[in-house]
Amino acid sequence: MSASWQARGSTPVATIERVNRELLDIADRLVADYDDIATGSVLRCLSRAVCAARAKTADPDEVPTLAEQLAREMLARRHEPWVPEQRAW
């Protein structure tokens, strides 16, 4: 049984290096795009998104795209104002 990235002729190490470079580029873009949020918070959202993307897909080439999409969704929710629920006394 061969992994999906081996079927295309690329070595697993080369695939991992390429994916990691893509994730670094995504991290740079997200930090620049969300400069009103602390850098550590942006990177933490991306880290959580990468974990979620890896859990959803077995193909490493799909991880960066899915992780960026999930991270942007998480960061967009941070911009929504929080309104507490009205309590019924």
C-alpha atoms as a PDB file:
ATOM      1  CA  MET A   1       0.000   0.000   0.000  1.00  0.00           C
ATOM      2  CA  SER A   2       1.504   3.266  -1.120  1.00  0.00           C
ATOM      3  CA  ALA A   3       0.760   6.680   0.366  1.00  0.00           C
ATOM      4  CA  SER A   4      -0.854   9.237  -1.938  1.00  0.00           C
ATOM      5  CA  TRP A   5       2.219  11.467  -2.091  1.00  0.00           C
ATOM      6  CA  GLN A   6       4.425   8.542  -3.162  1.00  0.00           C
ATOM      7  CA  ALA A   7       2.195   7.744  -6.134  1.00  0.00           C
ATOM      8  CA  ARG A   8       3.111  11.033  -7.829  1.00  0.00           C
ATOM      9  CA  GLY A   9       6.838  10.277  -7.818  1.00  0.00           C
ATOM     10  CA  SER A  10       7.735  12.726  -5.073  1.00  0.00           C
ATOM     11  CA  THR A  11       9.573  11.512  -1.997  1.00  0.00           C
ATOM     12  CA  PRO A  12       7.822  11.904   1.352  1.00  0.00           C
ATOM     13  CA  VAL A  13      10.613  14.183   2.633  1.00  0.00           C
ATOM     14  CA  ALA A  14      10.331  16.498  -0.380  1.00  0.00           C
ATOM     15  CA  THR A  15       6.564  16.637   0.050  1.00  0.00           C
ATOM     16  CA  ILE A  16       6.843  17.504   3.736  1.00  0.00           C
ATOM     17  CA  GLU A  17       9.429  20.218   3.005  1.00  0.00           C
ATOM     18  CA  ARG A  18       7.233  21.734   0.288  1.00  0.00           C
ATOM     19  CA  VAL A  19       4.140  21.680   2.521  1.00  0.00           C
ATOM     20  CA  ASN A  20       6.081  23.244   5.402  1.00  0.00           C
ATOM     21  CA  ARG A  21       7.313  26.054   3.117  1.00  0.00           C
ATOM     22  CA  GLU A  22       3.735  26.674   1.991  1.00  0.00           C
ATOM     23  CA  LEU A  23       2.602  26.826   5.631  1.00  0.00           C
ATOM     24  CA  LEU A  24       5.354  29.347   6.435  1.00  0.00           C
ATOM     25  CA  ASP A  25       4.198  31.527   3.524  1.00  0.00           C
ATOM     26  CA  ILE A  26       0.618  31.258   4.771  1.00  0.00           C
ATOM     27  CA  ALA A  27       1.735  32.255   8.281  1.00  0.00           C
ATOM     28  CA  ASP A  28       3.468  35.350   6.876  1.00  0.00           C
ATOM     29  CA  ARG A  29       0.342  36.336   4.917  1.00  0.00           C
ATOM     30  CA  LEU A  30      -1.986  35.816   7.863  1.00  0.00           C
ATOM     31  CA  VAL A  31       0.202  37.867  10.214  1.00  0.00           C
ATOM     32  CA  ALA A  32       0.282  40.683   7.634  1.00  0.00           C
ATOM     33  CA  ASP A  33      -3.451  40.479   6.896  1.00  0.00           C
ATOM     34  CA  TYR A  34      -4.487  40.411  10.559  1.00  0.00           C
ATOM     35  CA  ASP A  35      -2.056  42.979  11.930  1.00  0.00           C
ATOM     36  CA  ASP A  36      -4.643  44.156  14.467  1.00  0.00           C
ATOM     37  CA  ILE A  37      -4.448  40.756  16.211  1.00  0.00           C
ATOM     38  CA  ALA A  38      -1.390  39.732  18.197  1.00  0.00           C
ATOM     39  CA  THR A  39       1.045  37.675  16.131  1.00  0.00           C
ATOM     40  CA  GLY A  40       0.996  34.832  18.650  1.00  0.00           C
ATOM     41  CA  SER A  41      -2.782  34.604  18.442  1.00  0.00           C
ATOM     42  CA  VAL A  42      -2.681  34.490  14.640  1.00  0.00           C
ATOM     43  CA  LEU A  43      -0.062  31.738  14.698  1.00  0.00           C
ATOM     44  CA  ARG A  44      -2.010  29.803  17.329  1.00  0.00           C
ATOM     45  CA  CYS A  45      -5.115  29.926  15.095  1.00  0.00           C
ATOM     46  CA  LEU A  46      -3.030  28.657  12.181  1.00  0.00           C
ATOM     47  CA  SER A  47      -1.612  25.868  14.339  1.00  0.00           C
ATOM     48  CA  ARG A  48      -5.096  24.751  15.328  1.00  0.00           C
ATOM     49  CA  ALA A  49      -6.199  24.975  11.706  1.00  0.00           C
ATOM     50  CA  VAL A  50      -3.270  22.812  10.564  1.00  0.00           C
ATOM     51  CA  CYS A  51      -4.172  20.152  13.143  1.00  0.00           C
ATOM     52  CA  ALA A  52      -7.794  20.219  11.984  1.00  0.00           C
ATOM     53  CA  ALA A  53      -6.777  20.080   8.311  1.00  0.00           C
ATOM     54  CA  ARG A  54      -4.496  17.111   8.916  1.00  0.00           C
ATOM     55  CA  ALA A  55      -7.338  15.324  10.676  1.00  0.00           C
ATOM     56  CA  LYS A  56      -9.716  15.978   7.759  1.00  0.00           C
ATOM     57  CA  THR A  57      -7.491  14.998   4.840  1.00  0.00           C
ATOM     58  CA  ALA A  58      -4.935  12.278   4.191  1.00  0.00           C
ATOM     59  CA  ASP A  59      -3.332  14.137   1.280  1.00  0.00           C
ATOM     60  CA  PRO A  60      -0.537  16.406   2.558  1.00  0.00           C
ATOM     61  CA  ASP A  61      -0.845  18.648  -0.506  1.00  0.00           C
ATOM     62  CA  GLU A  62      -4.362  19.656   0.575  1.00  0.00           C
ATOM     63  CA  VAL A  63      -3.334  20.627   4.124  1.00  0.00           C
ATOM     64  CA  PRO A  64      -2.020  24.172   3.442  1.00  0.00           C
ATOM     65  CA  THR A  65      -5.080  25.279   1.473  1.00  0.00           C
ATOM     66  CA  LEU A  66      -7.530  23.833   3.959  1.00  0.00           C
ATOM     67  CA  ALA A  67      -5.529  25.147   6.932  1.00  0.00           C
ATOM     68  CA  GLU A  68      -5.489  28.676   5.511  1.00  0.00           C
ATOM     69  CA  GLN A  69      -9.234  28.561   4.912  1.00  0.00           C
ATOM     70  CA  LEU A  70      -9.914  27.320   8.457  1.00  0.00           C
ATOM     71  CA  ALA A  71      -7.526  29.848  10.008  1.00  0.00           C
ATOM     72  CA  ARG A  72      -9.155  32.727   8.150  1.00  0.00           C
ATOM     73  CA  GLU A  73     -12.576  31.556   9.355  1.00  0.00           C
ATOM     74  CA  MET A  74     -11.316  31.426  12.957  1.00  0.00           C
ATOM     75  CA  LEU A  75      -9.671  34.839  12.695  1.00  0.00           C
ATOM     76  CA  ALA A  76     -12.769  36.365  11.107  1.00  0.00           C
ATOM     77  CA  ARG A  77     -14.837  35.159  14.058  1.00  0.00           C
ATOM     78  CA  ARG A  78     -12.459  36.989  16.382  1.00  0.00           C
ATOM     79  CA  HIS A  79     -13.541  40.257  14.747  1.00  0.00           C
ATOM     80  CA  GLU A  80     -17.212  39.689  15.452  1.00  0.00           C
ATOM     81  CA  PRO A  81     -18.348  41.643  18.484  1.00  0.00           C
ATOM     82  CA  TRP A  82     -19.343  39.587  21.484  1.00  0.00           C
ATOM     83  CA  VAL A  83     -22.758  40.453  22.841  1.00  0.00           C
ATOM     84  CA  PRO A  84     -23.758  38.787  26.102  1.00  0.00           C
ATOM     85  CA  GLU A  85     -27.111  37.068  26.247  1.00  0.00           C
ATOM     86  CA  GLN A  86     -29.891  38.797  28.101  1.00  0.00           C
ATOM     87  CA  ARG A  87     -30.711  37.053  31.321  1.00  0.00           C
ATOM     88  CA  ALA A  88     -34.300  36.386  32.164  1.00  0.00           C
ATOM     89  CA  TRP A  89     -34.742  37.337  35.814  1.00  0.00           C
END
